[in-house]
């Protein structure tokens, strides 16, 4: 729960099949873009809403939730002792801090969004279960996957410049 107060370990000391907490710099090989914006990042969570007639009656318009989206292609976290791959299972990511953006989408401004993202170069603390690589994941590093609760927790410590 209080991940930001837990002590992290060096990446070189991680062992397979145990929960690991590491701090380091985000290095994304392929960035993702938040839809409707020009914001590029390693991973993001976004909620969208649309301006349309709602359930209030009398034909009045209101902001109606459109859904949420969590996107990641996977990325490395590096410290001075090595690097570890954070798996691209976007459903498991729990982004607790990060860059917060919001705004209107479209020419008429009939949609709006709120997002939280982690960008290339950000200093983060990550918590998850450490395993070996599978499939198309980089084969030369360990991988952080969801823990027993099904989450990979990400706390941003310092924003990229």
Protein backbone atom coordinates (compact mmCIF):
# COMPACT_ATOMS: atom_id res chain seq x y z
CA UNK A 1 0.00 0.00 0.00
CA UNK A 2 2.73 2.47 0.90
CA UNK A 3 5.05 1.60 -1.98
CA UNK A 4 6.75 4.98 -1.99
CA UNK A 5 8.09 4.32 1.54
CA UNK A 6 9.31 0.76 0.84
CA UNK A 7 13.01 0.30 0.24
CA UNK A 8 13.94 -0.67 -3.30
CA UNK A 9 16.70 -3.05 -4.26
CA UNK A 10 19.32 -2.97 -7.00
CA UNK A 11 18.23 -4.63 -10.23
CA UNK A 12 21.29 -6.92 -10.16
CA UNK A 13 20.05 -8.43 -6.85
CA UNK A 14 16.61 -9.50 -8.17
CA UNK A 15 15.79 -13.20 -8.00
CA UNK A 16 13.20 -15.11 -10.00
CA UNK A 17 9.76 -15.95 -8.56
CA UNK A 18 9.95 -13.33 -5.81
CA UNK A 19 8.31 -9.93 -5.47
CA UNK A 20 10.80 -7.19 -6.32
CA UNK A 21 10.78 -3.43 -5.78
CA UNK A 22 13.19 -1.48 -8.00
CA UNK A 23 13.86 2.18 -8.70
CA UNK A 24 15.30 3.53 -11.91
CA UNK A 25 14.91 5.40 -15.16
CA UNK A 26 12.23 4.46 -17.73
CA UNK A 27 13.54 3.53 -21.19
CA UNK A 28 10.78 2.79 -23.70
CA UNK A 29 11.84 1.18 -26.98
CA UNK A 30 8.49 2.06 -28.59
CA UNK A 31 6.44 4.94 -27.19
CA UNK A 32 2.63 5.07 -27.26
CA UNK A 33 0.55 8.16 -28.02
CA UNK A 34 -2.47 9.24 -26.00
CA UNK A 35 -5.40 9.26 -28.49
CA UNK A 36 -6.50 12.72 -29.62
CA UNK A 37 -3.27 14.34 -28.38
CA UNK A 38 0.38 14.64 -29.34
CA UNK A 39 1.55 13.25 -25.97
CA UNK A 40 4.10 10.42 -26.32
CA UNK A 41 4.88 8.21 -23.32
CA UNK A 42 5.94 4.73 -22.16
CA UNK A 43 2.48 3.91 -20.74
CA UNK A 44 -0.76 5.72 -19.90
CA UNK A 45 -4.18 5.46 -18.29
CA UNK A 46 -6.98 7.56 -19.83
CA UNK A 47 -10.65 8.22 -19.12
CA UNK A 48 -12.83 9.83 -21.79
CA UNK A 49 -16.26 11.47 -21.71
CA UNK A 50 -18.64 12.70 -24.43
CA UNK A 51 -21.00 15.73 -24.38
CA UNK A 52 -24.42 14.32 -25.28
CA UNK A 53 -27.99 13.89 -24.11
CA UNK A 54 -27.96 11.97 -20.87
CA UNK A 55 -30.39 10.33 -18.49
CA UNK A 56 -31.56 13.61 -16.93
CA UNK A 57 -34.52 13.93 -19.25
CA UNK A 58 -35.88 16.99 -21.07
CA UNK A 59 -33.18 16.57 -23.72
CA UNK A 60 -30.49 18.33 -21.68
CA UNK A 61 -26.89 17.53 -22.47
CA UNK A 62 -24.29 16.34 -19.99
CA UNK A 63 -20.83 14.73 -19.86
CA UNK A 64 -21.37 10.97 -20.24
CA UNK A 65 -18.48 8.57 -19.43
CA UNK A 66 -17.06 6.95 -22.54
CA UNK A 67 -14.70 4.48 -20.94
CA UNK A 68 -11.16 4.01 -19.72
CA UNK A 69 -8.05 2.78 -21.48
CA UNK A 70 -4.70 1.54 -20.19
CA UNK A 71 -1.93 1.15 -22.79
CA UNK A 72 1.70 -0.03 -22.63
CA UNK A 73 4.09 -1.72 -25.06
CA UNK A 74 6.44 -2.65 -22.24
CA UNK A 75 9.58 -0.74 -21.22
CA UNK A 76 12.87 -1.08 -19.37
CA UNK A 77 13.68 0.30 -15.93
CA UNK A 78 17.42 0.92 -15.55
CA UNK A 79 19.59 1.66 -12.55
CA UNK A 80 23.39 1.70 -12.20
CA UNK A 81 23.48 -2.09 -11.75
CA UNK A 82 21.42 -3.20 -14.76
CA UNK A 83 18.00 -3.17 -16.36
CA UNK A 84 14.72 -5.06 -16.05
CA UNK A 85 11.82 -5.33 -18.53
CA UNK A 86 8.34 -4.34 -17.32
CA UNK A 87 5.89 -6.59 -19.18
CA UNK A 88 3.38 -5.10 -21.57
CA UNK A 89 0.31 -6.48 -19.76
CA UNK A 90 -1.45 -3.10 -19.68
CA UNK A 91 -4.44 -4.44 -17.71
CA UNK A 92 -2.13 -5.07 -14.75
CA UNK A 93 -0.47 -1.63 -14.58
CA UNK A 94 -1.33 0.54 -11.59
CA UNK A 95 -0.02 4.05 -12.35
CA UNK A 96 -0.29 5.94 -9.07
CA UNK A 97 1.53 9.15 -9.99
CA UNK A 98 2.81 10.58 -13.21
CA UNK A 99 2.13 13.27 -15.71
CA UNK A 100 -1.51 14.36 -15.53
CA UNK A 101 -3.09 15.83 -18.64
CA UNK A 102 -6.64 16.77 -19.58
CA UNK A 103 -8.41 18.60 -22.35
CA UNK A 104 -10.98 18.63 -25.10
CA UNK A 105 -10.78 16.35 -28.15
CA UNK A 106 -12.20 17.08 -31.57
CA UNK A 107 -12.93 20.26 -33.50
CA UNK A 108 -16.21 20.94 -31.72
CA UNK A 109 -14.95 19.93 -28.28
CA UNK A 110 -17.63 17.29 -27.80
CA UNK A 111 -15.25 14.90 -26.07
CA UNK A 112 -12.80 15.38 -23.21
CA UNK A 113 -10.18 13.25 -21.51
CA UNK A 114 -8.14 12.92 -18.34
CA UNK A 115 -4.91 10.93 -18.43
CA UNK A 116 -2.00 9.86 -16.26
CA UNK A 117 1.23 8.81 -17.99
CA UNK A 118 4.83 7.76 -17.43
CA UNK A 119 7.31 9.16 -19.96
CA UNK A 120 10.73 8.15 -21.24
CA UNK A 121 13.43 9.19 -18.76
CA UNK A 122 11.13 9.44 -15.72
CA UNK A 123 12.51 8.08 -12.45
CA UNK A 124 10.07 5.48 -11.11
CA UNK A 125 9.65 2.82 -8.45
CA UNK A 126 8.14 -0.46 -9.69
CA UNK A 127 6.75 -3.41 -7.71
CA UNK A 128 5.91 -6.81 -9.21
CA UNK A 129 6.87 -10.47 -9.43
CA UNK A 130 10.22 -11.15 -11.08
CA UNK A 131 10.34 -13.90 -13.75
CA UNK A 132 12.28 -14.89 -16.83
CA UNK A 133 11.41 -13.70 -20.35
CA UNK A 134 8.66 -15.35 -22.44
CA UNK A 135 7.81 -15.10 -26.14
CA UNK A 136 8.82 -11.81 -27.78
CA UNK A 137 10.16 -10.21 -24.59
CA UNK A 138 13.85 -9.26 -24.49
CA UNK A 139 15.75 -12.45 -23.64
CA UNK A 140 18.74 -10.91 -21.89
CA UNK A 141 16.92 -9.46 -18.84
CA UNK A 142 14.56 -10.43 -16.06
CA UNK A 143 10.89 -9.40 -16.37
CA UNK A 144 8.56 -7.77 -13.84
CA UNK A 145 5.03 -9.19 -14.06
CA UNK A 146 1.85 -8.73 -12.01
CA UNK A 147 2.12 -9.76 -8.34
CA UNK A 148 -0.33 -12.04 -6.48
CA UNK A 149 -2.92 -9.22 -6.48
CA UNK A 150 -2.63 -8.92 -10.28
CA UNK A 151 -0.88 -5.54 -10.30
CA UNK A 152 2.39 -3.95 -11.35
CA UNK A 153 2.54 -0.81 -9.22
CA UNK A 154 4.30 2.25 -10.65
CA UNK A 155 5.14 5.30 -8.55
CA UNK A 156 6.79 8.20 -10.31
CA UNK A 157 9.57 9.76 -8.25
CA UNK A 158 10.74 12.52 -10.56
CA UNK A 159 9.49 13.79 -13.89
CA UNK A 160 11.62 13.71 -17.01
CA UNK A 161 12.98 17.01 -18.26
